[in-house]
Protein backbone atom coordinates (compact mmCIF):
# COMPACT_ATOMS: atom_id res chain seq x y z
CA UNK A 1 0.00 0.00 0.00
CA UNK A 2 1.30 3.45 -0.85
CA UNK A 3 0.46 6.83 0.68
CA UNK A 4 1.36 10.11 -0.97
CA UNK A 5 -0.02 13.61 -0.55
CA UNK A 6 1.49 14.80 -3.81
CA UNK A 7 0.95 11.75 -5.98
CA UNK A 8 4.57 10.85 -6.60
CA UNK A 9 5.25 7.18 -7.17
CA UNK A 10 8.63 6.63 -5.52
CA UNK A 11 9.64 6.90 -1.91
CA UNK A 12 12.30 6.18 0.68
CA UNK A 13 10.86 2.67 0.96
CA UNK A 14 11.26 2.06 -2.78
CA UNK A 15 14.87 3.29 -2.66
CA UNK A 16 15.54 1.03 0.33
CA UNK A 17 14.05 -2.04 -1.34
CA UNK A 18 15.90 -1.35 -4.60
CA UNK A 19 19.20 -1.12 -2.70
CA UNK A 20 18.45 -4.58 -1.27
CA UNK A 21 17.52 -6.11 -4.63
CA UNK A 22 13.79 -6.02 -3.95
CA UNK A 23 10.76 -4.14 -5.26
CA UNK A 24 7.24 -3.70 -4.05
CA UNK A 25 4.01 -4.14 -5.94
CA UNK A 26 1.57 -1.38 -5.06
CA UNK A 27 -2.01 -2.66 -5.11
CA UNK A 28 -3.60 0.43 -3.54
CA UNK A 29 -2.66 4.03 -2.96
CA UNK A 30 -4.27 6.83 -0.99
CA UNK A 31 -3.56 10.43 -0.10
CA UNK A 32 -5.30 9.96 3.26
CA UNK A 33 -3.59 8.21 6.14
CA UNK A 34 -7.01 7.69 7.70
CA UNK A 35 -7.97 5.31 4.87
CA UNK A 36 -5.12 2.90 5.63
CA UNK A 37 -6.76 0.87 8.44
CA UNK A 38 -9.93 0.39 6.38
CA UNK A 39 -7.93 -0.70 3.32
CA UNK A 40 -5.75 -3.06 5.35
CA UNK A 41 -8.89 -4.76 6.68
CA UNK A 42 -10.01 -5.52 3.13
CA UNK A 43 -6.81 -6.10 1.15
CA UNK A 44 -3.93 -8.56 1.47
CA UNK A 45 -1.49 -5.69 1.92
CA UNK A 46 1.01 -4.00 4.19
CA UNK A 47 1.79 -0.32 4.71
CA UNK A 48 5.18 1.09 5.72
CA UNK A 49 4.58 4.15 7.90
CA UNK A 50 6.41 6.32 10.41
CA UNK A 51 6.19 4.76 13.87
CA UNK A 52 4.07 7.54 15.37
CA UNK A 53 1.56 7.39 12.50
CA UNK A 54 1.32 3.60 12.75
CA UNK A 55 0.57 3.79 16.47
CA UNK A 56 -2.11 6.45 15.99
CA UNK A 57 -3.78 4.62 13.10
CA UNK A 58 -3.76 1.32 14.96
CA UNK A 59 -5.42 3.12 17.88
CA UNK A 60 -6.26 0.06 19.96
CA UNK A 61 -7.54 -1.96 16.97
CA UNK A 62 -6.28 -5.42 17.87
CA UNK A 63 -7.03 -6.69 14.36
CA UNK A 64 -4.16 -4.64 12.90
CA UNK A 65 -0.64 -5.84 13.56
CA UNK A 66 2.47 -3.70 13.35
CA UNK A 67 6.17 -4.32 13.57
CA UNK A 68 8.89 -1.72 14.00
CA UNK A 69 11.55 -1.67 11.28
CA UNK A 70 14.72 -0.58 13.05
CA UNK A 71 17.00 0.29 10.15
CA UNK A 72 18.90 3.57 9.88
CA UNK A 73 18.40 3.53 6.10
CA UNK A 74 14.66 4.01 6.67
CA UNK A 75 15.05 6.99 9.03
CA UNK A 76 14.05 10.47 7.92
CA UNK A 77 14.90 13.81 9.46
CA UNK A 78 12.10 16.09 10.60
CA UNK A 79 12.70 19.82 10.97
CA UNK A 80 10.53 22.37 12.77
CA UNK A 81 11.32 25.84 11.40
CA UNK A 82 9.92 29.28 12.18
CA UNK A 83 10.93 32.94 12.10
CA UNK A 84 12.38 34.30 15.39
CA UNK A 85 9.74 37.04 15.56
CA UNK A 86 7.22 34.23 16.26
CA UNK A 87 9.07 32.98 19.36
CA UNK A 88 6.47 34.47 21.71
CA UNK A 89 3.48 33.06 19.78
CA UNK A 90 1.50 30.84 22.23
CA UNK A 91 0.40 28.45 19.48
CA UNK A 92 3.97 28.00 18.26
CA UNK A 93 5.13 27.38 21.83
CA UNK A 94 2.37 24.80 22.30
CA UNK A 95 3.18 22.95 19.04
CA UNK A 96 6.91 23.11 19.77
CA UNK A 97 6.32 21.63 23.23
CA UNK A 98 4.25 18.81 21.75
CA UNK A 99 6.93 18.03 19.16
CA UNK A 100 9.64 17.91 21.82
CA UNK A 101 7.50 15.70 24.04
CA UNK A 102 6.54 13.29 21.25
CA UNK A 103 10.06 13.04 19.85
CA UNK A 104 11.89 12.58 23.17
CA UNK A 105 12.53 8.85 22.68
CA UNK A 106 14.00 9.42 19.18
CA UNK A 107 16.45 12.14 20.27
CA UNK A 108 18.46 9.91 22.63
C-alpha atoms as a PDB file:
ATOM      1  CA  UNK A   1       0.000   0.000   0.000  1.00  0.00           C
ATOM      2  CA  UNK A   2       1.298   3.447  -0.849  1.00  0.00           C
ATOM      3  CA  UNK A   3       0.465   6.828   0.678  1.00  0.00           C
ATOM      4  CA  UNK A   4       1.358  10.112  -0.969  1.00  0.00           C
ATOM      5  CA  UNK A   5      -0.025  13.609  -0.552  1.00  0.00           C
ATOM      6  CA  UNK A   6       1.493  14.804  -3.810  1.00  0.00           C
ATOM      7  CA  UNK A   7       0.949  11.751  -5.979  1.00  0.00           C
ATOM      8  CA  UNK A   8       4.565  10.852  -6.596  1.00  0.00           C
ATOM      9  CA  UNK A   9       5.251   7.183  -7.174  1.00  0.00           C
ATOM     10  CA  UNK A  10       8.632   6.625  -5.520  1.00  0.00           C
ATOM     11  CA  UNK A  11       9.644   6.901  -1.906  1.00  0.00           C
ATOM     12  CA  UNK A  12      12.298   6.182   0.683  1.00  0.00           C
ATOM     13  CA  UNK A  13      10.857   2.666   0.960  1.00  0.00           C
ATOM     14  CA  UNK A  14      11.262   2.064  -2.781  1.00  0.00           C
ATOM     15  CA  UNK A  15      14.872   3.286  -2.655  1.00  0.00           C
ATOM     16  CA  UNK A  16      15.541   1.029   0.331  1.00  0.00           C
ATOM     17  CA  UNK A  17      14.049  -2.045  -1.337  1.00  0.00           C
ATOM     18  CA  UNK A  18      15.897  -1.346  -4.602  1.00  0.00           C
ATOM     19  CA  UNK A  19      19.199  -1.119  -2.697  1.00  0.00           C
ATOM     20  CA  UNK A  20      18.446  -4.581  -1.272  1.00  0.00           C
ATOM     21  CA  UNK A  21      17.522  -6.109  -4.634  1.00  0.00           C
ATOM     22  CA  UNK A  22      13.786  -6.020  -3.952  1.00  0.00           C
ATOM     23  CA  UNK A  23      10.756  -4.142  -5.262  1.00  0.00           C
ATOM     24  CA  UNK A  24       7.238  -3.696  -4.046  1.00  0.00           C
ATOM     25  CA  UNK A  25       4.014  -4.141  -5.943  1.00  0.00           C
ATOM     26  CA  UNK A  26       1.571  -1.382  -5.058  1.00  0.00           C
ATOM     27  CA  UNK A  27      -2.008  -2.659  -5.107  1.00  0.00           C
ATOM     28  CA  UNK A  28      -3.600   0.429  -3.540  1.00  0.00           C
ATOM     29  CA  UNK A  29      -2.660   4.033  -2.955  1.00  0.00           C
ATOM     30  CA  UNK A  30      -4.266   6.826  -0.987  1.00  0.00           C
ATOM     31  CA  UNK A  31      -3.562  10.430  -0.099  1.00  0.00           C
ATOM     32  CA  UNK A  32      -5.300   9.961   3.263  1.00  0.00           C
ATOM     33  CA  UNK A  33      -3.588   8.210   6.137  1.00  0.00           C
ATOM     34  CA  UNK A  34      -7.009   7.685   7.696  1.00  0.00           C
ATOM     35  CA  UNK A  35      -7.971   5.307   4.867  1.00  0.00           C
ATOM     36  CA  UNK A  36      -5.124   2.901   5.627  1.00  0.00           C
ATOM     37  CA  UNK A  37      -6.760   0.867   8.443  1.00  0.00           C
ATOM     38  CA  UNK A  38      -9.927   0.389   6.379  1.00  0.00           C
ATOM     39  CA  UNK A  39      -7.932  -0.695   3.321  1.00  0.00           C
ATOM     40  CA  UNK A  40      -5.752  -3.060   5.351  1.00  0.00           C
ATOM     41  CA  UNK A  41      -8.893  -4.764   6.676  1.00  0.00           C
ATOM     42  CA  UNK A  42     -10.007  -5.522   3.133  1.00  0.00           C
ATOM     43  CA  UNK A  43      -6.813  -6.101   1.151  1.00  0.00           C
ATOM     44  CA  UNK A  44      -3.929  -8.565   1.470  1.00  0.00           C
ATOM     45  CA  UNK A  45      -1.485  -5.692   1.924  1.00  0.00           C
ATOM     46  CA  UNK A  46       1.014  -4.002   4.191  1.00  0.00           C
ATOM     47  CA  UNK A  47       1.786  -0.321   4.712  1.00  0.00           C
ATOM     48  CA  UNK A  48       5.176   1.087   5.722  1.00  0.00           C
ATOM     49  CA  UNK A  49       4.576   4.145   7.896  1.00  0.00           C
ATOM     50  CA  UNK A  50       6.412   6.318  10.409  1.00  0.00           C
ATOM     51  CA  UNK A  51       6.185   4.764  13.873  1.00  0.00           C
ATOM     52  CA  UNK A  52       4.066   7.538  15.374  1.00  0.00           C
ATOM     53  CA  UNK A  53       1.559   7.393  12.497  1.00  0.00           C
ATOM     54  CA  UNK A  54       1.318   3.596  12.749  1.00  0.00           C
ATOM     55  CA  UNK A  55       0.574   3.789  16.468  1.00  0.00           C
ATOM     56  CA  UNK A  56      -2.114   6.449  15.987  1.00  0.00           C
ATOM     57  CA  UNK A  57      -3.779   4.618  13.103  1.00  0.00           C
ATOM     58  CA  UNK A  58      -3.755   1.325  14.959  1.00  0.00           C
ATOM     59  CA  UNK A  59      -5.423   3.118  17.884  1.00  0.00           C
ATOM     60  CA  UNK A  60      -6.264   0.061  19.959  1.00  0.00           C
ATOM     61  CA  UNK A  61      -7.539  -1.956  16.975  1.00  0.00           C
ATOM     62  CA  UNK A  62      -6.276  -5.423  17.868  1.00  0.00           C
ATOM     63  CA  UNK A  63      -7.031  -6.694  14.359  1.00  0.00           C
ATOM     64  CA  UNK A  64      -4.162  -4.636  12.900  1.00  0.00           C
ATOM     65  CA  UNK A  65      -0.636  -5.835  13.555  1.00  0.00           C
ATOM     66  CA  UNK A  66       2.473  -3.696  13.351  1.00  0.00           C
ATOM     67  CA  UNK A  67       6.168  -4.317  13.572  1.00  0.00           C
ATOM     68  CA  UNK A  68       8.886  -1.717  14.004  1.00  0.00           C
ATOM     69  CA  UNK A  69      11.548  -1.669  11.281  1.00  0.00           C
ATOM     70  CA  UNK A  70      14.724  -0.580  13.048  1.00  0.00           C
ATOM     71  CA  UNK A  71      17.005   0.292  10.155  1.00  0.00           C
ATOM     72  CA  UNK A  72      18.902   3.571   9.881  1.00  0.00           C
ATOM     73  CA  UNK A  73      18.398   3.534   6.096  1.00  0.00           C
ATOM     74  CA  UNK A  74      14.658   4.015   6.671  1.00  0.00           C
ATOM     75  CA  UNK A  75      15.053   6.987   9.027  1.00  0.00           C
ATOM     76  CA  UNK A  76      14.053  10.471   7.921  1.00  0.00           C
ATOM     77  CA  UNK A  77      14.902  13.814   9.456  1.00  0.00           C
ATOM     78  CA  UNK A  78      12.102  16.086  10.599  1.00  0.00           C
ATOM     79  CA  UNK A  79      12.699  19.823  10.965  1.00  0.00           C
ATOM     80  CA  UNK A  80      10.533  22.372  12.768  1.00  0.00           C
ATOM     81  CA  UNK A  81      11.320  25.838  11.395  1.00  0.00           C
ATOM     82  CA  UNK A  82       9.919  29.278  12.178  1.00  0.00           C
ATOM     83  CA  UNK A  83      10.927  32.944  12.102  1.00  0.00           C
ATOM     84  CA  UNK A  84      12.375  34.302  15.385  1.00  0.00           C
ATOM     85  CA  UNK A  85       9.740  37.036  15.564  1.00  0.00           C
ATOM     86  CA  UNK A  86       7.217  34.231  16.260  1.00  0.00           C
ATOM     87  CA  UNK A  87       9.073  32.982  19.363  1.00  0.00           C
ATOM     88  CA  UNK A  88       6.471  34.475  21.710  1.00  0.00           C
ATOM     89  CA  UNK A  89       3.479  33.058  19.778  1.00  0.00           C
ATOM     90  CA  UNK A  90       1.501  30.841  22.232  1.00  0.00           C
ATOM     91  CA  UNK A  91       0.397  28.453  19.476  1.00  0.00           C
ATOM     92  CA  UNK A  92       3.970  28.000  18.256  1.00  0.00           C
ATOM     93  CA  UNK A  93       5.134  27.380  21.832  1.00  0.00           C
ATOM     94  CA  UNK A  94       2.366  24.799  22.299  1.00  0.00           C
ATOM     95  CA  UNK A  95       3.181  22.948  19.042  1.00  0.00           C
ATOM     96  CA  UNK A  96       6.912  23.106  19.775  1.00  0.00           C
ATOM     97  CA  UNK A  97       6.323  21.626  23.230  1.00  0.00           C
ATOM     98  CA  UNK A  98       4.249  18.806  21.748  1.00  0.00           C
ATOM     99  CA  UNK A  99       6.932  18.033  19.162  1.00  0.00           C
ATOM    100  CA  UNK A 100       9.644  17.910  21.822  1.00  0.00           C
ATOM    101  CA  UNK A 101       7.505  15.701  24.036  1.00  0.00           C
ATOM    102  CA  UNK A 102       6.545  13.288  21.249  1.00  0.00           C
ATOM    103  CA  UNK A 103      10.060  13.040  19.855  1.00  0.00           C
ATOM    104  CA  UNK A 104      11.894  12.582  23.165  1.00  0.00           C
ATOM    105  CA  UNK A 105      12.533   8.847  22.675  1.00  0.00           C
ATOM    106  CA  UNK A 106      13.996   9.422  19.185  1.00  0.00           C
ATOM    107  CA  UNK A 107      16.446  12.136  20.266  1.00  0.00           C
ATOM    108  CA  UNK A 108      18.456   9.912  22.627  1.00  0.00           C
END
